[in-house]
Amino acid sequence: MPAEAIKNALKYLSDSTNSRGGVIYSLAMSHNMGGGGGAGGEGRPALTAAAIACGFSAGEHDSPLVKKWFRFCQENLRASYGDGRTGHHDEYTYYYFAQAIYQLGDDGWGKLFPDAKGEGLSWSAFRKASFDSLVRSQATDGSWSGGHVGPVFITAVHLSILQLDKAALPIYQR
């Protein structure tokens, strides 16, 4: 991908980030609703988690923007998944959130936030809290159901999360 396209994508994500660090659904809607040039509106955890994954893919591993996004997700998402639901689009949210935490690893939070005192996110903690619960919620035929998107999507997402440790795809490699 051309460097200019990545630069423009990161600028759009930056422009779409509200003051709390959440990525809003539509920058155009924000401007049309009197946003006045800044990202107004409610930040969405799903979009913010996806922004972290995009930022990491673009090489933004320790930028102030990635830090803002992580703080927003930390405040608005559980660090585990599979033991209940947090709202709409959970599978989509945790598909990206799991990737972000996996990329963060076990020592990434301390590098991003060196002054943090034990409140950080880590892959090991997320994995421990989530994987057993995901496996327990799996149907006997190997699928998952629930939500409003159907079992094929949910199963694909859960399987993708469960295989992150294998780093099978280049985007999952640390």
Protein backbone atom coordinates (compact mmCIF):
# COMPACT_ATOMS: atom_id res chain seq x y z
CA MET A 1 0.00 0.00 0.00
CA PRO A 2 1.36 3.44 -0.82
CA ALA A 3 2.73 5.37 2.16
CA GLU A 4 0.44 8.31 1.36
CA ALA A 5 -2.66 6.10 1.69
CA ILE A 6 -1.51 4.88 5.11
CA LYS A 7 -0.75 8.46 6.18
CA ASN A 8 -4.24 9.58 5.06
CA ALA A 9 -5.90 6.65 6.82
CA LEU A 10 -4.11 7.47 10.07
CA LYS A 11 -5.11 11.12 9.72
CA TYR A 12 -8.74 10.12 9.26
CA LEU A 13 -8.58 7.94 12.37
CA SER A 14 -6.95 10.77 14.29
CA ASP A 15 -9.61 13.22 13.11
CA SER A 16 -12.30 10.66 14.09
CA THR A 17 -11.01 10.35 17.66
CA ASN A 18 -12.96 12.27 20.26
CA SER A 19 -11.50 13.92 23.34
CA ARG A 20 -11.98 10.75 25.42
CA GLY A 21 -9.97 8.69 22.93
CA GLY A 22 -12.89 6.90 21.33
CA VAL A 23 -13.28 6.63 17.57
CA ILE A 24 -16.64 7.96 16.39
CA TYR A 25 -18.80 6.26 13.80
CA SER A 26 -18.76 8.99 11.16
CA LEU A 27 -16.58 12.05 10.87
CA ALA A 28 -18.94 13.42 8.21
CA MET A 29 -21.91 13.09 10.57
CA SER A 30 -19.93 14.80 13.31
CA HIS A 31 -19.32 17.81 11.07
CA ASN A 32 -22.94 17.87 9.90
CA MET A 33 -24.15 17.85 13.51
CA GLY A 34 -22.15 20.90 14.45
CA GLY A 35 -18.91 19.11 15.28
CA GLY A 36 -17.05 22.16 14.07
CA GLY A 37 -13.98 20.42 12.73
CA GLY A 38 -13.25 18.11 15.65
CA ALA A 39 -14.53 14.64 16.32
CA GLY A 40 -17.72 15.00 18.26
CA GLY A 41 -20.03 12.28 19.35
CA GLU A 42 -19.79 9.11 21.29
CA GLY A 43 -16.69 7.01 20.80
CA ARG A 44 -17.38 3.41 19.85
CA PRO A 45 -15.36 0.65 21.53
CA ALA A 46 -15.60 -1.56 18.44
CA LEU A 47 -14.24 1.14 16.14
CA THR A 48 -11.58 2.12 18.65
CA ALA A 49 -10.37 -1.47 19.00
CA ALA A 50 -10.23 -1.71 15.19
CA ALA A 51 -8.27 1.57 15.10
CA ILE A 52 -5.63 0.08 17.43
CA ALA A 53 -5.25 -2.93 15.15
CA CYS A 54 -4.95 -0.60 12.14
CA GLY A 55 -2.46 1.63 13.94
CA PHE A 56 -0.30 -1.35 14.86
CA SER A 57 -0.44 -2.60 11.25
CA ALA A 58 0.74 0.84 10.15
CA GLY A 59 3.69 0.74 12.54
CA GLU A 60 2.17 3.07 15.14
CA HIS A 61 3.16 0.94 18.13
CA ASP A 62 3.75 3.70 20.67
CA SER A 63 2.14 6.82 19.27
CA PRO A 64 0.10 9.13 21.50
CA LEU A 65 -2.98 8.19 19.45
CA VAL A 66 -2.55 4.46 20.08
CA LYS A 67 -2.18 5.25 23.78
CA LYS A 68 -5.43 7.24 23.74
CA TRP A 69 -7.24 4.41 21.99
CA PHE A 70 -5.94 1.81 24.46
CA ARG A 71 -6.99 3.93 27.43
CA PHE A 72 -10.47 4.31 25.94
CA CYS A 73 -10.78 0.56 25.38
CA GLN A 74 -9.43 -0.18 28.84
CA GLU A 75 -12.14 2.05 30.32
CA ASN A 76 -14.94 0.74 28.11
CA LEU A 77 -14.21 -2.96 27.58
CA ARG A 78 -13.51 -5.90 29.79
CA ALA A 79 -10.07 -7.41 29.27
CA SER A 80 -11.73 -10.81 28.93
CA TYR A 81 -14.25 -12.10 26.47
CA GLY A 82 -16.63 -14.99 26.23
CA ASP A 83 -18.07 -14.89 29.74
CA GLY A 84 -21.03 -12.73 28.88
CA ARG A 85 -21.82 -9.91 26.53
CA THR A 86 -21.11 -6.22 26.82
CA GLY A 87 -23.44 -4.87 24.16
CA HIS A 88 -23.83 -4.74 20.40
CA HIS A 89 -21.20 -6.07 17.99
CA ASP A 90 -19.23 -7.93 20.66
CA GLU A 91 -17.73 -10.38 18.19
CA TYR A 92 -16.54 -7.54 15.94
CA THR A 93 -15.24 -5.58 18.95
CA TYR A 94 -13.31 -8.47 20.42
CA TYR A 95 -12.00 -9.64 17.06
CA TYR A 96 -9.99 -6.41 16.93
CA PHE A 97 -9.47 -5.99 20.68
CA ALA A 98 -7.93 -9.47 20.91
CA GLN A 99 -5.58 -8.63 18.01
CA ALA A 100 -4.56 -5.40 19.72
CA ILE A 101 -3.87 -7.09 23.05
CA TYR A 102 -2.03 -9.92 21.31
CA GLN A 103 0.20 -7.38 19.53
CA LEU A 104 0.69 -5.61 22.85
CA GLY A 105 1.93 -8.86 24.37
CA ASP A 106 2.78 -9.13 28.04
CA ASP A 107 5.19 -6.23 28.37
CA GLY A 108 3.76 -3.75 25.85
CA TRP A 109 1.53 -1.95 28.33
CA GLY A 110 4.49 -1.15 30.55
CA LYS A 111 6.35 0.24 27.53
CA LEU A 112 3.38 2.37 26.46
CA PHE A 113 2.59 3.52 29.98
CA PRO A 114 5.79 3.30 32.05
CA ASP A 115 4.16 5.13 34.98
CA ALA A 116 1.16 2.74 35.12
CA LYS A 117 0.83 0.86 38.38
CA GLY A 118 -0.54 -2.64 37.77
CA GLU A 119 -3.68 -1.63 35.90
CA GLY A 120 -2.49 -2.63 32.45
CA LEU A 121 -3.61 -5.05 29.81
CA SER A 122 -1.63 -8.11 28.83
CA TRP A 123 -2.05 -10.92 26.37
CA SER A 124 -1.56 -13.63 29.02
CA ALA A 125 -4.31 -12.20 31.24
CA PHE A 126 -6.69 -11.73 28.32
CA ARG A 127 -5.96 -15.21 27.02
CA LYS A 128 -6.45 -16.84 30.42
CA ALA A 129 -9.71 -15.01 31.07
CA SER A 130 -11.14 -15.54 27.61
CA PHE A 131 -10.06 -18.79 26.02
CA ASP A 132 -11.52 -21.26 28.53
CA SER A 133 -14.79 -19.38 28.48
CA LEU A 134 -14.87 -19.39 24.68
CA VAL A 135 -14.23 -23.11 24.53
CA ARG A 136 -16.93 -23.78 27.16
CA SER A 137 -19.46 -21.79 25.14
CA GLN A 138 -18.76 -23.75 21.95
CA ALA A 139 -21.56 -26.02 20.69
CA THR A 140 -20.97 -29.74 20.27
CA ASP A 141 -20.69 -29.28 16.48
CA GLY A 142 -17.81 -26.82 17.00
CA SER A 143 -19.77 -23.67 16.25
CA TRP A 144 -20.84 -20.71 18.36
CA SER A 145 -24.16 -18.94 18.20
CA GLY A 146 -25.79 -15.87 19.67
CA GLY A 147 -25.86 -12.25 18.77
CA HIS A 148 -27.59 -10.99 15.68
CA VAL A 149 -24.97 -11.79 13.04
CA GLY A 150 -25.31 -15.55 12.97
CA PRO A 151 -23.20 -18.58 13.78
CA VAL A 152 -20.90 -18.51 10.73
CA PHE A 153 -19.52 -15.06 11.53
CA ILE A 154 -19.37 -15.69 15.28
CA THR A 155 -17.58 -19.02 14.77
CA ALA A 156 -15.06 -17.47 12.37
CA VAL A 157 -14.31 -14.66 14.83
CA HIS A 158 -13.90 -16.98 17.81
CA LEU A 159 -11.64 -19.32 15.86
CA SER A 160 -9.55 -16.36 14.71
CA ILE A 161 -9.15 -15.20 18.31
CA LEU A 162 -8.26 -18.69 19.54
CA GLN A 163 -5.45 -19.06 16.99
CA LEU A 164 -3.73 -15.71 17.55
CA ASP A 165 -0.85 -17.39 19.41
CA LYS A 166 0.03 -19.24 16.21
CA ALA A 167 0.60 -15.94 14.31
CA ALA A 168 -0.53 -17.69 11.12
CA LEU A 169 -1.20 -14.44 9.25
CA PRO A 170 1.36 -11.66 8.78
CA ILE A 171 -0.94 -9.16 10.53
CA TYR A 172 -0.85 -11.35 13.64
CA GLN A 173 2.93 -11.52 13.82
CA ARG A 174 4.62 -9.44 16.48
